[in-house]
Amino acid sequence: MSESVRQRFESWFALQHLRVTGNHLSIEEMQHLRGESDDYSKHAYMHGCWIGFCAANTIAGEHV
């Protein structure tokens, strides 16, 4: 897993969360949301976003 892809995803997701809820997610909160499996699987919506983000980066040619 490319750390740069994860960082971009977490920045993107935090921005989307801010736009929808008005609440900012800190870096620590994003790390907590990753969970033990490191793939956000405890949160179905977030996990789906993560899978899509990884797929988009793979299609774009970046190693995930």
Protein backbone atom coordinates (compact mmCIF):
# COMPACT_ATOMS: atom_id res chain seq x y z
CA MET A 1 0.00 0.00 0.00
CA SER A 2 1.39 3.32 -1.02
CA GLU A 3 1.43 5.73 1.90
CA SER A 4 0.96 8.64 -0.49
CA VAL A 5 -2.29 7.08 -1.78
CA ARG A 6 -3.51 6.61 1.79
CA GLN A 7 -2.64 10.20 2.70
CA ARG A 8 -4.45 11.54 -0.36
CA PHE A 9 -7.49 9.39 0.43
CA GLU A 10 -7.60 10.54 4.05
CA SER A 11 -7.26 14.18 2.99
CA TRP A 12 -9.98 13.75 0.37
CA PHE A 13 -12.31 11.91 2.78
CA ALA A 14 -11.78 14.48 5.55
CA LEU A 15 -12.63 17.27 3.09
CA GLN A 16 -15.81 15.48 1.95
CA HIS A 17 -16.78 14.89 5.59
CA LEU A 18 -16.24 18.58 6.34
CA ARG A 19 -18.40 19.62 3.38
CA VAL A 20 -21.27 17.33 4.39
CA THR A 21 -21.20 17.61 8.19
CA GLY A 22 -19.29 20.80 8.91
CA ASN A 23 -17.00 18.79 11.22
CA HIS A 24 -13.27 18.49 10.63
CA LEU A 25 -11.63 15.06 11.02
CA SER A 26 -8.13 15.24 12.49
CA ILE A 27 -5.26 13.02 11.41
CA GLU A 28 -5.67 11.07 14.64
CA GLU A 29 -9.38 10.53 13.98
CA MET A 30 -8.66 9.30 10.46
CA GLN A 31 -6.06 6.86 11.81
CA HIS A 32 -8.59 5.60 14.35
CA LEU A 33 -11.15 5.06 11.56
CA ARG A 34 -8.67 2.80 9.72
CA GLY A 35 -9.13 0.14 12.35
CA GLU A 36 -6.95 -2.89 12.99
CA SER A 37 -7.32 -4.19 9.43
CA ASP A 38 -6.01 -0.85 8.10
CA ASP A 39 -8.78 -0.73 5.46
CA TYR A 40 -11.65 1.12 7.15
CA SER A 41 -13.76 -2.08 7.08
CA LYS A 42 -15.66 -1.17 10.28
CA HIS A 43 -17.30 1.67 8.37
CA ALA A 44 -19.07 0.39 5.24
CA TYR A 45 -19.37 3.76 3.47
CA MET A 46 -15.77 4.71 4.19
CA HIS A 47 -14.56 1.24 3.17
CA GLY A 48 -16.40 1.57 -0.14
CA CYS A 49 -14.83 4.97 -0.73
CA TRP A 50 -11.41 3.48 0.04
CA ILE A 51 -11.90 0.59 -2.43
CA GLY A 52 -13.03 3.03 -5.13
CA PHE A 53 -10.13 5.38 -4.42
CA CYS A 54 -7.64 2.50 -4.70
CA ALA A 55 -9.24 1.33 -7.95
CA ALA A 56 -9.09 4.82 -9.44
CA ASN A 57 -5.40 5.10 -8.54
CA THR A 58 -4.69 1.68 -10.05
CA ILE A 59 -6.43 2.65 -13.29
CA ALA A 60 -4.46 5.89 -13.30
CA GLY A 61 -1.29 3.80 -13.15
CA GLU A 62 -0.16 4.50 -9.61
CA HIS A 63 0.93 1.47 -7.61
CA VAL A 64 -1.41 1.01 -4.67
